[in-house]
Amino acid sequence: MVTDYTTEQPYNGLVQQIERYICQNLHQPLDREMLAEMAGFSIPHFHRVFTACTGESAISYVRRMRLISAGRKLRMGAVDIMEVALAAGYESHAAFSKAFKKQFGVSPSAFRQLGCSAATALLRQA
């Protein structure tokens, strides 16, 4: 990936603040309109800046962080996968399972069967 320093450098601190906000508020609705407003940017400009600084869109980042959080819950012994799915913002077990498998390469139920070190390694790679 070619780094666009003209876009990336002046905004790194702001994007890091937005990333922290996202991670602290994963249980809240997080959409690009609200995040762009927090940054004080138009939606297209926010999208360009966030993507240039992180390599992924803000919505992809939110989705990935929610799936990592879901993985941690599963690793810590969450019993009901549907509760974990709902907490991650998915309305169905099927949608959650598909997104989880796409992110980690294993289904949520298979993830729960992994040993601690294997599960932790998958979460760190995400």
N, C-alpha and C. Protein backbone atom coordinates (compact mmCIF):
# COMPACT_ATOMS: atom_id res chain seq x y z
N MET A 1 0.84 -1.18 0.00
CA MET A 1 0.00 0.00 0.00
C MET A 1 0.88 1.24 0.00
N VAL A 2 0.57 2.19 -0.83
CA VAL A 2 1.30 3.43 -0.89
C VAL A 2 0.72 4.37 0.16
N THR A 3 1.57 4.92 0.99
CA THR A 3 1.11 5.82 2.04
C THR A 3 0.95 7.21 1.48
N ASP A 4 -0.16 7.83 1.74
CA ASP A 4 -0.42 9.19 1.32
C ASP A 4 -0.13 10.11 2.50
N TYR A 5 1.11 10.54 2.62
CA TYR A 5 1.53 11.33 3.77
C TYR A 5 0.80 12.67 3.83
N THR A 6 0.41 13.21 2.69
CA THR A 6 -0.26 14.50 2.72
C THR A 6 -1.62 14.40 3.39
N THR A 7 -2.25 13.25 3.32
CA THR A 7 -3.54 13.06 3.98
C THR A 7 -3.35 12.51 5.38
N GLU A 8 -2.43 11.58 5.53
CA GLU A 8 -2.33 10.82 6.77
C GLU A 8 -1.74 11.60 7.94
N GLN A 9 -0.60 12.19 7.78
CA GLN A 9 0.14 12.74 8.91
C GLN A 9 -0.61 13.78 9.74
N PRO A 10 -1.23 14.78 9.16
CA PRO A 10 -1.87 15.79 10.01
C PRO A 10 -3.06 15.27 10.82
N TYR A 11 -3.60 14.12 10.43
CA TYR A 11 -4.82 13.63 11.04
C TYR A 11 -4.63 12.42 11.95
N ASN A 12 -3.42 11.92 12.10
CA ASN A 12 -3.21 10.71 12.89
C ASN A 12 -3.77 10.82 14.31
N GLY A 13 -3.51 11.93 14.98
CA GLY A 13 -3.99 12.11 16.35
C GLY A 13 -5.51 12.09 16.43
N LEU A 14 -6.15 12.76 15.50
CA LEU A 14 -7.61 12.79 15.47
C LEU A 14 -8.19 11.40 15.21
N VAL A 15 -7.59 10.70 14.27
CA VAL A 15 -8.08 9.35 13.95
C VAL A 15 -7.86 8.43 15.15
N GLN A 16 -6.77 8.56 15.85
CA GLN A 16 -6.54 7.75 17.05
C GLN A 16 -7.59 8.05 18.12
N GLN A 17 -8.00 9.30 18.25
CA GLN A 17 -9.07 9.64 19.20
C GLN A 17 -10.38 8.98 18.79
N ILE A 18 -10.67 8.99 17.50
CA ILE A 18 -11.89 8.35 17.00
C ILE A 18 -11.82 6.84 17.24
N GLU A 19 -10.65 6.23 17.00
CA GLU A 19 -10.48 4.80 17.26
C GLU A 19 -10.73 4.48 18.74
N ARG A 20 -10.20 5.30 19.63
CA ARG A 20 -10.42 5.09 21.07
C ARG A 20 -11.90 5.21 21.41
N TYR A 21 -12.55 6.22 20.84
CA TYR A 21 -13.98 6.40 21.08
C TYR A 21 -14.75 5.16 20.63
N ILE A 22 -14.43 4.68 19.44
CA ILE A 22 -15.11 3.49 18.92
C ILE A 22 -14.93 2.32 19.89
N CYS A 23 -13.71 2.07 20.31
CA CYS A 23 -13.42 0.93 21.18
C CYS A 23 -14.12 1.04 22.53
N GLN A 24 -14.30 2.26 23.01
CA GLN A 24 -14.96 2.47 24.30
C GLN A 24 -16.48 2.48 24.19
N ASN A 25 -16.99 2.51 22.96
CA ASN A 25 -18.43 2.63 22.76
C ASN A 25 -18.97 1.61 21.77
N LEU A 26 -18.39 0.43 21.76
CA LEU A 26 -18.81 -0.61 20.82
C LEU A 26 -20.27 -1.02 21.01
N HIS A 27 -20.79 -0.83 22.21
CA HIS A 27 -22.17 -1.20 22.51
C HIS A 27 -23.17 -0.15 22.03
N GLN A 28 -22.68 0.99 21.58
CA GLN A 28 -23.54 2.07 21.09
C GLN A 28 -23.65 2.00 19.57
N PRO A 29 -24.71 2.58 19.02
CA PRO A 29 -24.76 2.69 17.55
C PRO A 29 -23.62 3.59 17.08
N LEU A 30 -22.87 3.11 16.12
CA LEU A 30 -21.75 3.87 15.57
C LEU A 30 -21.87 3.86 14.05
N ASP A 31 -22.19 5.01 13.47
CA ASP A 31 -22.29 5.07 12.03
C ASP A 31 -21.35 6.17 11.51
N ARG A 32 -21.12 6.15 10.23
CA ARG A 32 -20.14 7.08 9.66
C ARG A 32 -20.58 8.53 9.79
N GLU A 33 -21.88 8.78 9.79
CA GLU A 33 -22.37 10.15 9.94
C GLU A 33 -21.98 10.71 11.31
N MET A 34 -22.21 9.91 12.35
CA MET A 34 -21.90 10.35 13.70
C MET A 34 -20.39 10.50 13.89
N LEU A 35 -19.62 9.55 13.37
CA LEU A 35 -18.16 9.62 13.52
C LEU A 35 -17.59 10.79 12.74
N ALA A 36 -18.12 11.06 11.56
CA ALA A 36 -17.67 12.21 10.77
C ALA A 36 -17.97 13.52 11.50
N GLU A 37 -19.15 13.59 12.10
CA GLU A 37 -19.52 14.78 12.86
C GLU A 37 -18.58 14.98 14.06
N MET A 38 -18.24 13.89 14.75
CA MET A 38 -17.29 13.98 15.87
C MET A 38 -15.96 14.54 15.42
N ALA A 39 -15.53 14.13 14.23
CA ALA A 39 -14.23 14.58 13.70
C ALA A 39 -14.32 16.00 13.14
N GLY A 40 -15.55 16.48 12.90
CA GLY A 40 -15.73 17.81 12.34
C GLY A 40 -15.53 17.83 10.83
N PHE A 41 -15.77 16.68 10.19
CA PHE A 41 -15.56 16.55 8.75
C PHE A 41 -16.86 16.18 8.06
N SER A 42 -16.89 16.42 6.75
CA SER A 42 -17.98 15.86 5.95
C SER A 42 -17.78 14.35 5.90
N ILE A 43 -18.81 13.63 5.57
CA ILE A 43 -18.71 12.16 5.51
C ILE A 43 -17.66 11.71 4.49
N PRO A 44 -17.66 12.25 3.26
CA PRO A 44 -16.62 11.80 2.31
C PRO A 44 -15.20 12.12 2.77
N HIS A 45 -15.00 13.30 3.36
CA HIS A 45 -13.66 13.66 3.83
C HIS A 45 -13.24 12.77 4.99
N PHE A 46 -14.16 12.51 5.92
CA PHE A 46 -13.86 11.61 7.03
C PHE A 46 -13.48 10.23 6.51
N HIS A 47 -14.23 9.73 5.56
CA HIS A 47 -13.94 8.42 4.99
C HIS A 47 -12.52 8.39 4.39
N ARG A 48 -12.17 9.42 3.63
CA ARG A 48 -10.82 9.47 3.02
C ARG A 48 -9.74 9.52 4.08
N VAL A 49 -9.92 10.37 5.08
CA VAL A 49 -8.90 10.53 6.13
C VAL A 49 -8.76 9.26 6.95
N PHE A 50 -9.87 8.70 7.41
CA PHE A 50 -9.82 7.50 8.26
C PHE A 50 -9.19 6.35 7.49
N THR A 51 -9.60 6.17 6.25
CA THR A 51 -9.06 5.08 5.43
C THR A 51 -7.58 5.28 5.16
N ALA A 52 -7.16 6.50 4.90
CA ALA A 52 -5.74 6.77 4.65
C ALA A 52 -4.90 6.48 5.89
N CYS A 53 -5.43 6.78 7.06
CA CYS A 53 -4.67 6.60 8.30
C CYS A 53 -4.68 5.16 8.81
N THR A 54 -5.75 4.42 8.55
CA THR A 54 -5.88 3.08 9.13
C THR A 54 -5.81 1.94 8.11
N GLY A 55 -6.04 2.26 6.85
CA GLY A 55 -6.06 1.21 5.84
C GLY A 55 -7.41 0.52 5.71
N GLU A 56 -8.41 0.97 6.47
CA GLU A 56 -9.76 0.42 6.36
C GLU A 56 -10.77 1.52 6.67
N SER A 57 -11.98 1.32 6.20
CA SER A 57 -13.02 2.32 6.46
C SER A 57 -13.40 2.29 7.94
N ALA A 58 -14.02 3.35 8.39
CA ALA A 58 -14.45 3.42 9.79
C ALA A 58 -15.46 2.32 10.11
N ILE A 59 -16.36 2.03 9.19
CA ILE A 59 -17.37 1.01 9.44
C ILE A 59 -16.72 -0.37 9.49
N SER A 60 -15.73 -0.62 8.65
CA SER A 60 -14.99 -1.89 8.72
C SER A 60 -14.24 -2.00 10.03
N TYR A 61 -13.68 -0.88 10.49
CA TYR A 61 -12.98 -0.86 11.78
C TYR A 61 -13.95 -1.18 12.92
N VAL A 62 -15.12 -0.56 12.90
CA VAL A 62 -16.13 -0.82 13.93
C VAL A 62 -16.51 -2.30 13.92
N ARG A 63 -16.76 -2.84 12.74
CA ARG A 63 -17.15 -4.25 12.61
C ARG A 63 -16.04 -5.16 13.16
N ARG A 64 -14.80 -4.88 12.79
CA ARG A 64 -13.68 -5.70 13.26
C ARG A 64 -13.53 -5.62 14.77
N MET A 65 -13.65 -4.43 15.35
CA MET A 65 -13.53 -4.29 16.80
C MET A 65 -14.66 -5.02 17.52
N ARG A 66 -15.87 -4.97 16.97
CA ARG A 66 -16.99 -5.68 17.58
C ARG A 66 -16.78 -7.19 17.51
N LEU A 67 -16.23 -7.66 16.41
CA LEU A 67 -15.97 -9.10 16.29
C LEU A 67 -14.85 -9.53 17.24
N ILE A 68 -13.84 -8.71 17.41
CA ILE A 68 -12.78 -9.02 18.38
C ILE A 68 -13.37 -9.07 19.78
N SER A 69 -14.23 -8.12 20.11
CA SER A 69 -14.89 -8.11 21.41
C SER A 69 -15.74 -9.37 21.58
N ALA A 70 -16.45 -9.76 20.54
CA ALA A 70 -17.25 -10.99 20.59
C ALA A 70 -16.35 -12.21 20.80
N GLY A 71 -15.22 -12.23 20.12
CA GLY A 71 -14.28 -13.33 20.30
C GLY A 71 -13.77 -13.42 21.72
N ARG A 72 -13.51 -12.28 22.32
CA ARG A 72 -13.06 -12.27 23.73
C ARG A 72 -14.14 -12.83 24.65
N LYS A 73 -15.39 -12.46 24.38
CA LYS A 73 -16.50 -12.97 25.19
C LYS A 73 -16.62 -14.48 25.04
N LEU A 74 -16.48 -14.96 23.82
CA LEU A 74 -16.55 -16.40 23.59
C LEU A 74 -15.39 -17.12 24.28
N ARG A 75 -14.21 -16.53 24.22
CA ARG A 75 -13.03 -17.11 24.85
C ARG A 75 -13.18 -17.16 26.36
N MET A 76 -13.87 -16.16 26.92
CA MET A 76 -14.05 -16.10 28.37
C MET A 76 -15.22 -16.97 28.83
N GLY A 77 -15.86 -17.68 27.90
CA GLY A 77 -16.88 -18.64 28.30
C GLY A 77 -18.31 -18.21 28.13
N ALA A 78 -18.58 -17.20 27.31
CA ALA A 78 -19.96 -16.81 27.07
C ALA A 78 -20.73 -18.02 26.55
N VAL A 79 -21.84 -18.30 27.15
CA VAL A 79 -22.58 -19.52 26.86
C VAL A 79 -23.42 -19.40 25.59
N ASP A 80 -24.14 -18.32 25.46
CA ASP A 80 -25.09 -18.18 24.37
C ASP A 80 -24.49 -17.37 23.23
N ILE A 81 -24.25 -18.02 22.11
CA ILE A 81 -23.66 -17.34 20.95
C ILE A 81 -24.60 -16.24 20.45
N MET A 82 -25.90 -16.46 20.53
CA MET A 82 -26.85 -15.44 20.07
C MET A 82 -26.75 -14.17 20.89
N GLU A 83 -26.55 -14.27 22.20
CA GLU A 83 -26.35 -13.08 23.03
C GLU A 83 -25.09 -12.33 22.61
N VAL A 84 -24.04 -13.07 22.32
CA VAL A 84 -22.79 -12.46 21.86
C VAL A 84 -23.03 -11.79 20.51
N ALA A 85 -23.78 -12.44 19.63
CA ALA A 85 -24.09 -11.88 18.32
C ALA A 85 -24.86 -10.58 18.44
N LEU A 86 -25.88 -10.58 19.30
CA LEU A 86 -26.68 -9.36 19.50
C LEU A 86 -25.82 -8.23 20.07
N ALA A 87 -24.96 -8.54 21.01
CA ALA A 87 -24.08 -7.53 21.61
C ALA A 87 -23.11 -6.97 20.58
N ALA A 88 -22.78 -7.77 19.57
CA ALA A 88 -21.86 -7.33 18.51
C ALA A 88 -22.59 -6.59 17.39
N GLY A 89 -23.91 -6.48 17.52
CA GLY A 89 -24.68 -5.72 16.55
C GLY A 89 -25.29 -6.54 15.43
N TYR A 90 -25.30 -7.85 15.57
CA TYR A 90 -25.88 -8.73 14.56
C TYR A 90 -27.26 -9.17 15.00
N GLU A 91 -28.18 -9.22 14.05
CA GLU A 91 -29.56 -9.55 14.38
C GLU A 91 -29.86 -11.03 14.25
N SER A 92 -28.93 -11.79 13.68
CA SER A 92 -29.17 -13.22 13.55
C SER A 92 -27.89 -14.00 13.81
N HIS A 93 -28.08 -15.22 14.22
CA HIS A 93 -26.95 -16.12 14.46
C HIS A 93 -26.20 -16.35 13.16
N ALA A 94 -26.94 -16.51 12.05
CA ALA A 94 -26.33 -16.79 10.75
C ALA A 94 -25.44 -15.63 10.29
N ALA A 95 -25.93 -14.41 10.41
CA ALA A 95 -25.14 -13.25 9.99
C ALA A 95 -23.88 -13.12 10.84
N PHE A 96 -24.02 -13.31 12.14
CA PHE A 96 -22.87 -13.24 13.03
C PHE A 96 -21.86 -14.34 12.70
N SER A 97 -22.34 -15.55 12.52
CA SER A 97 -21.44 -16.67 12.23
C SER A 97 -20.68 -16.45 10.93
N LYS A 98 -21.37 -15.93 9.92
CA LYS A 98 -20.73 -15.66 8.63
C LYS A 98 -19.64 -14.60 8.77
N ALA A 99 -19.95 -13.50 9.46
CA ALA A 99 -18.97 -12.43 9.66
C ALA A 99 -17.81 -12.90 10.53
N PHE A 100 -18.10 -13.67 11.56
CA PHE A 100 -17.07 -14.17 12.46
C PHE A 100 -16.12 -15.10 11.71
N LYS A 101 -16.68 -16.00 10.92
CA LYS A 101 -15.85 -16.93 10.16
C LYS A 101 -15.01 -16.19 9.12
N LYS A 102 -15.58 -15.18 8.50
CA LYS A 102 -14.82 -14.38 7.52
C LYS A 102 -13.65 -13.68 8.20
N GLN A 103 -13.87 -13.17 9.41
CA GLN A 103 -12.82 -12.44 10.13
C GLN A 103 -11.75 -13.37 10.68
N PHE A 104 -12.14 -14.49 11.27
CA PHE A 104 -11.20 -15.33 12.00
C PHE A 104 -10.89 -16.68 11.35
N GLY A 105 -11.66 -17.05 10.32
CA GLY A 105 -11.40 -18.31 9.64
C GLY A 105 -12.02 -19.53 10.30
N VAL A 106 -12.74 -19.33 11.38
CA VAL A 106 -13.44 -20.42 12.08
C VAL A 106 -14.80 -19.90 12.55
N SER A 107 -15.72 -20.80 12.72
CA SER A 107 -17.05 -20.43 13.21
C SER A 107 -16.96 -20.08 14.70
N PRO A 108 -17.94 -19.36 15.23
CA PRO A 108 -17.92 -19.06 16.66
C PRO A 108 -17.87 -20.31 17.53
N SER A 109 -18.62 -21.34 17.16
CA SER A 109 -18.60 -22.56 17.98
C SER A 109 -17.24 -23.25 17.90
N ALA A 110 -16.61 -23.26 16.73
CA ALA A 110 -15.26 -23.85 16.61
C ALA A 110 -14.24 -23.00 17.38
N PHE A 111 -14.44 -21.68 17.37
CA PHE A 111 -13.54 -20.78 18.10
C PHE A 111 -13.57 -21.11 19.59
N ARG A 112 -14.76 -21.38 20.12
CA ARG A 112 -14.87 -21.71 21.55
C ARG A 112 -14.13 -22.98 21.90
N GLN A 113 -13.96 -23.87 20.92
CA GLN A 113 -13.29 -25.14 21.18
C GLN A 113 -11.76 -25.01 21.13
N LEU A 114 -11.27 -23.88 20.62
CA LEU A 114 -9.82 -23.69 20.52
C LEU A 114 -9.20 -23.54 21.91
N GLY A 115 -7.96 -23.90 22.01
CA GLY A 115 -7.23 -23.65 23.24
C GLY A 115 -7.02 -22.16 23.42
N CYS A 116 -6.67 -21.77 24.63
CA CYS A 116 -6.51 -20.36 24.97
C CYS A 116 -5.49 -19.67 24.06
N SER A 117 -4.34 -20.29 23.86
CA SER A 117 -3.29 -19.64 23.07
C SER A 117 -3.69 -19.52 21.60
N ALA A 118 -4.36 -20.52 21.05
CA ALA A 118 -4.80 -20.45 19.65
C ALA A 118 -5.87 -19.37 19.47
N ALA A 119 -6.81 -19.30 20.40
CA ALA A 119 -7.86 -18.28 20.32
C ALA A 119 -7.27 -16.88 20.46
N THR A 120 -6.35 -16.72 21.40
CA THR A 120 -5.71 -15.42 21.59
C THR A 120 -4.93 -15.01 20.35
N ALA A 121 -4.26 -15.96 19.73
CA ALA A 121 -3.50 -15.66 18.52
C ALA A 121 -4.42 -15.18 17.40
N LEU A 122 -5.58 -15.80 17.25
CA LEU A 122 -6.54 -15.36 16.23
C LEU A 122 -7.04 -13.94 16.50
N LEU A 123 -7.31 -13.65 17.77
CA LEU A 123 -7.78 -12.31 18.13
C LEU A 123 -6.71 -11.26 17.87
N ARG A 124 -5.46 -11.59 18.11
CA ARG A 124 -4.37 -10.64 17.89
C ARG A 124 -4.12 -10.38 16.41
N GLN A 125 -4.38 -11.39 15.58
CA GLN A 125 -4.15 -11.24 14.14
C GLN A 125 -5.20 -10.35 13.48
N ALA A 126 -6.35 -10.24 14.10
CA ALA A 126 -7.46 -9.48 13.49
C ALA A 126 -7.19 -8.00 13.47
